[in-house]
């Protein structure tokens, strides 16, 4: 019988959401994930199977636990929360992984459809664009 898991999978998944939202899938190595999550490499592979497995777990968690509740919130609360970093993982997944990964593309298409339904397509597009511009501004001020 193997050793019991030394970490809480939900805690690691939430932390992975933050890492992937900050630096994107291709911007993180497995070493970055191991160090950033505080788990051993073998534990990461045993639990999630691969970097992609962790990414998909984090993306699904984010869509269900971060994005969906915001879409159900009142208009004012939703707009203020979505204007922050809440859309970052959605944006990064849409441009970085969805064009090459059918499973990610399906998740993102569903999320974008829910975003359009909750906000209206024009407002959803506006918020996505504003968040993208904010990420560009913040990355240029760090140099």
C-alpha atoms as a PDB file:
ATOM      1  CA  UNK A   1       0.000   0.000   0.000  1.00  0.00           C
ATOM      2  CA  UNK A   2       1.349   3.440  -0.983  1.00  0.00           C
ATOM      3  CA  UNK A   3       1.846   6.399   1.281  1.00  0.00           C
ATOM      4  CA  UNK A   4      -1.155   8.634   1.862  1.00  0.00           C
ATOM      5  CA  UNK A   5      -1.176  11.783  -0.248  1.00  0.00           C
ATOM      6  CA  UNK A   6       0.746  14.566   1.440  1.00  0.00           C
ATOM      7  CA  UNK A   7      -1.295  17.409  -0.016  1.00  0.00           C
ATOM      8  CA  UNK A   8      -4.882  18.525  -0.461  1.00  0.00           C
ATOM      9  CA  UNK A   9      -5.816  18.105  -4.119  1.00  0.00           C
ATOM     10  CA  UNK A  10      -8.310  21.003  -3.999  1.00  0.00           C
ATOM     11  CA  UNK A  11      -5.707  23.356  -2.537  1.00  0.00           C
ATOM     12  CA  UNK A  12      -3.177  22.346  -5.193  1.00  0.00           C
ATOM     13  CA  UNK A  13      -5.798  22.703  -7.940  1.00  0.00           C
ATOM     14  CA  UNK A  14      -6.716  26.234  -6.809  1.00  0.00           C
ATOM     15  CA  UNK A  15      -3.041  27.161  -6.655  1.00  0.00           C
ATOM     16  CA  UNK A  16      -2.551  25.738 -10.158  1.00  0.00           C
ATOM     17  CA  UNK A  17      -5.398  27.955 -11.412  1.00  0.00           C
ATOM     18  CA  UNK A  18      -3.490  30.994 -10.161  1.00  0.00           C
ATOM     19  CA  UNK A  19      -0.221  29.818 -11.710  1.00  0.00           C
ATOM     20  CA  UNK A  20      -1.771  29.049 -15.100  1.00  0.00           C
ATOM     21  CA  UNK A  21      -3.738  32.327 -15.056  1.00  0.00           C
ATOM     22  CA  UNK A  22      -0.558  34.233 -14.339  1.00  0.00           C
ATOM     23  CA  UNK A  23       1.900  32.639 -16.730  1.00  0.00           C
ATOM     24  CA  UNK A  24      -0.155  30.384 -19.017  1.00  0.00           C
ATOM     25  CA  UNK A  25       0.424  26.739 -19.845  1.00  0.00           C
ATOM     26  CA  UNK A  26       3.487  27.225 -22.032  1.00  0.00           C
ATOM     27  CA  UNK A  27       4.958  29.742 -19.598  1.00  0.00           C
ATOM     28  CA  UNK A  28       5.232  27.142 -16.832  1.00  0.00           C
ATOM     29  CA  UNK A  29       7.587  24.200 -16.717  1.00  0.00           C
ATOM     30  CA  UNK A  30       6.909  21.160 -14.578  1.00  0.00           C
ATOM     31  CA  UNK A  31       9.668  22.451 -12.267  1.00  0.00           C
ATOM     32  CA  UNK A  32       7.793  25.767 -11.974  1.00  0.00           C
ATOM     33  CA  UNK A  33       4.630  23.870 -11.056  1.00  0.00           C
ATOM     34  CA  UNK A  34       6.371  21.610  -8.532  1.00  0.00           C
ATOM     35  CA  UNK A  35       8.017  24.619  -6.861  1.00  0.00           C
ATOM     36  CA  UNK A  36       4.959  26.854  -7.064  1.00  0.00           C
ATOM     37  CA  UNK A  37       2.572  24.214  -5.772  1.00  0.00           C
ATOM     38  CA  UNK A  38       4.855  22.755  -3.143  1.00  0.00           C
ATOM     39  CA  UNK A  39       4.342  19.168  -4.258  1.00  0.00           C
ATOM     40  CA  UNK A  40       6.803  16.507  -5.284  1.00  0.00           C
ATOM     41  CA  UNK A  41       7.101  15.770  -8.991  1.00  0.00           C
ATOM     42  CA  UNK A  42       6.071  12.130  -8.469  1.00  0.00           C
ATOM     43  CA  UNK A  43       2.992  13.213  -6.508  1.00  0.00           C
ATOM     44  CA  UNK A  44       2.001  15.623  -9.265  1.00  0.00           C
ATOM     45  CA  UNK A  45       2.278  12.883 -11.895  1.00  0.00           C
ATOM     46  CA  UNK A  46       0.566  10.267  -9.734  1.00  0.00           C
ATOM     47  CA  UNK A  47      -2.380  12.559  -8.988  1.00  0.00           C
ATOM     48  CA  UNK A  48      -2.819  14.404 -12.283  1.00  0.00           C
ATOM     49  CA  UNK A  49      -1.008  12.162 -14.765  1.00  0.00           C
ATOM     50  CA  UNK A  50       0.828  14.980 -16.529  1.00  0.00           C
ATOM     51  CA  UNK A  51       1.182  18.724 -16.787  1.00  0.00           C
ATOM     52  CA  UNK A  52      -1.767  18.670 -19.200  1.00  0.00           C
ATOM     53  CA  UNK A  53      -3.799  16.630 -16.708  1.00  0.00           C
ATOM     54  CA  UNK A  54      -3.148  19.234 -14.023  1.00  0.00           C
ATOM     55  CA  UNK A  55      -4.006  21.998 -16.501  1.00  0.00           C
ATOM     56  CA  UNK A  56      -7.334  20.395 -17.446  1.00  0.00           C
ATOM     57  CA  UNK A  57      -8.184  19.800 -13.783  1.00  0.00           C
ATOM     58  CA  UNK A  58      -7.353  23.430 -12.967  1.00  0.00           C
ATOM     59  CA  UNK A  59      -9.263  24.752 -15.988  1.00  0.00           C
ATOM     60  CA  UNK A  60     -12.385  22.728 -15.119  1.00  0.00           C
ATOM     61  CA  UNK A  61     -12.159  23.827 -11.473  1.00  0.00           C
ATOM     62  CA  UNK A  62     -11.798  27.466 -12.524  1.00  0.00           C
ATOM     63  CA  UNK A  63     -14.781  27.310 -14.867  1.00  0.00           C
ATOM     64  CA  UNK A  64     -17.003  25.671 -12.253  1.00  0.00           C
ATOM     65  CA  UNK A  65     -15.900  27.436  -9.074  1.00  0.00           C
ATOM     66  CA  UNK A  66     -14.636  30.839 -10.221  1.00  0.00           C
ATOM     67  CA  UNK A  67     -16.387  31.764 -13.461  1.00  0.00           C
ATOM     68  CA  UNK A  68     -19.846  30.186 -13.078  1.00  0.00           C
ATOM     69  CA  UNK A  69     -20.668  31.879  -9.738  1.00  0.00           C
ATOM     70  CA  UNK A  70     -19.736  35.247 -11.213  1.00  0.00           C
ATOM     71  CA  UNK A  71     -22.005  34.701 -14.166  1.00  0.00           C
ATOM     72  CA  UNK A  72     -24.872  34.045 -11.766  1.00  0.00           C
ATOM     73  CA  UNK A  73     -24.162  37.205  -9.714  1.00  0.00           C
ATOM     74  CA  UNK A  74     -25.933  40.535 -10.041  1.00  0.00           C
ATOM     75  CA  UNK A  75     -24.865  42.772 -12.918  1.00  0.00           C
ATOM     76  CA  UNK A  76     -22.890  45.242 -10.802  1.00  0.00           C
ATOM     77  CA  UNK A  77     -21.034  42.565  -8.800  1.00  0.00           C
ATOM     78  CA  UNK A  78     -20.351  40.522 -11.917  1.00  0.00           C
ATOM     79  CA  UNK A  79     -18.926  43.429 -13.907  1.00  0.00           C
ATOM     80  CA  UNK A  80     -16.599  44.548 -11.112  1.00  0.00           C
ATOM     81  CA  UNK A  81     -15.341  41.032 -10.438  1.00  0.00           C
ATOM     82  CA  UNK A  82     -14.909  40.122 -14.093  1.00  0.00           C
ATOM     83  CA  UNK A  83     -12.922  43.305 -14.700  1.00  0.00           C
ATOM     84  CA  UNK A  84     -10.187  41.986 -12.357  1.00  0.00           C
ATOM     85  CA  UNK A  85      -8.016  38.979 -13.045  1.00  0.00           C
ATOM     86  CA  UNK A  86     -10.919  36.534 -13.064  1.00  0.00           C
ATOM     87  CA  UNK A  87     -10.924  36.264 -16.851  1.00  0.00           C
ATOM     88  CA  UNK A  88      -7.187  35.656 -17.208  1.00  0.00           C
ATOM     89  CA  UNK A  89      -7.244  31.855 -17.365  1.00  0.00           C
ATOM     90  CA  UNK A  90     -10.145  31.953 -19.823  1.00  0.00           C
ATOM     91  CA  UNK A  91      -8.250  34.385 -22.064  1.00  0.00           C
ATOM     92  CA  UNK A  92      -4.987  32.471 -21.923  1.00  0.00           C
ATOM     93  CA  UNK A  93      -6.648  29.118 -22.516  1.00  0.00           C
ATOM     94  CA  UNK A  94      -8.571  30.549 -25.478  1.00  0.00           C
ATOM     95  CA  UNK A  95      -5.516  31.905 -27.267  1.00  0.00           C
ATOM     96  CA  UNK A  96      -2.819  29.482 -26.186  1.00  0.00           C
ATOM     97  CA  UNK A  97      -4.313  25.996 -25.843  1.00  0.00           C
ATOM     98  CA  UNK A  98      -7.742  25.969 -27.498  1.00  0.00           C
ATOM     99  CA  UNK A  99      -6.377  26.251 -31.062  1.00  0.00           C
ATOM    100  CA  UNK A 100      -4.364  23.053 -30.563  1.00  0.00           C
ATOM    101  CA  UNK A 101      -6.316  21.033 -27.990  1.00  0.00           C
ATOM    102  CA  UNK A 102      -9.863  19.945 -28.828  1.00  0.00           C
ATOM    103  CA  UNK A 103     -10.749  19.254 -25.199  1.00  0.00           C
ATOM    104  CA  UNK A 104      -9.651  22.720 -24.089  1.00  0.00           C
ATOM    105  CA  UNK A 105     -11.428  24.252 -27.097  1.00  0.00           C
ATOM    106  CA  UNK A 106     -14.706  22.573 -26.117  1.00  0.00           C
ATOM    107  CA  UNK A 107     -14.410  23.842 -22.531  1.00  0.00           C
ATOM    108  CA  UNK A 108     -13.622  27.368 -23.710  1.00  0.00           C
ATOM    109  CA  UNK A 109     -16.444  27.405 -26.288  1.00  0.00           C
ATOM    110  CA  UNK A 110     -18.877  26.426 -23.532  1.00  0.00           C
ATOM    111  CA  UNK A 111     -17.533  29.084 -21.165  1.00  0.00           C
ATOM    112  CA  UNK A 112     -17.693  31.781 -23.831  1.00  0.00           C
ATOM    113  CA  UNK A 113     -21.278  30.809 -24.676  1.00  0.00           C
ATOM    114  CA  UNK A 114     -22.219  31.089 -20.976  1.00  0.00           C
ATOM    115  CA  UNK A 115     -20.405  34.423 -20.751  1.00  0.00           C
ATOM    116  CA  UNK A 116     -22.321  35.691 -23.808  1.00  0.00           C
ATOM    117  CA  UNK A 117     -25.621  34.463 -22.363  1.00  0.00           C
ATOM    118  CA  UNK A 118     -24.991  36.090 -18.992  1.00  0.00           C
ATOM    119  CA  UNK A 119     -23.625  39.411 -20.219  1.00  0.00           C
ATOM    120  CA  UNK A 120     -24.656  39.690 -23.829  1.00  0.00           C
ATOM    121  CA  UNK A 121     -22.071  39.185 -26.572  1.00  0.00           C
ATOM    122  CA  UNK A 122     -21.097  42.860 -26.801  1.00  0.00           C
ATOM    123  CA  UNK A 123     -20.469  43.264 -23.064  1.00  0.00           C
ATOM    124  CA  UNK A 124     -18.628  39.929 -22.884  1.00  0.00           C
ATOM    125  CA  UNK A 125     -16.376  40.967 -25.765  1.00  0.00           C
ATOM    126  CA  UNK A 126     -15.785  44.350 -24.162  1.00  0.00           C
ATOM    127  CA  UNK A 127     -14.790  42.812 -20.801  1.00  0.00           C
ATOM    128  CA  UNK A 128     -12.487  40.273 -22.452  1.00  0.00           C
ATOM    129  CA  UNK A 129     -10.838  43.028 -24.458  1.00  0.00           C
ATOM    130  CA  UNK A 130     -10.430  45.275 -21.439  1.00  0.00           C
ATOM    131  CA  UNK A 131      -8.861  42.468 -19.426  1.00  0.00           C
ATOM    132  CA  UNK A 132      -6.504  41.612 -22.261  1.00  0.00           C
ATOM    133  CA  UNK A 133      -5.407  45.250 -22.489  1.00  0.00           C
ATOM    134  CA  UNK A 134      -4.913  45.385 -18.716  1.00  0.00           C
ATOM    135  CA  UNK A 135      -2.627  42.332 -18.870  1.00  0.00           C
ATOM    136  CA  UNK A 136      -0.572  43.969 -21.597  1.00  0.00           C
ATOM    137  CA  UNK A 137      -0.307  47.203 -19.600  1.00  0.00           C
ATOM    138  CA  UNK A 138       0.749  45.369 -16.444  1.00  0.00           C
ATOM    139  CA  UNK A 139       3.377  43.304 -18.287  1.00  0.00           C
ATOM    140  CA  UNK A 140       4.943  46.404 -19.855  1.00  0.00           C
ATOM    141  CA  UNK A 141       5.164  48.199 -16.513  1.00  0.00           C
ATOM    142  CA  UNK A 142       7.172  45.296 -15.021  1.00  0.00           C
ATOM    143  CA  UNK A 143      10.069  45.718 -17.440  1.00  0.00           C
END
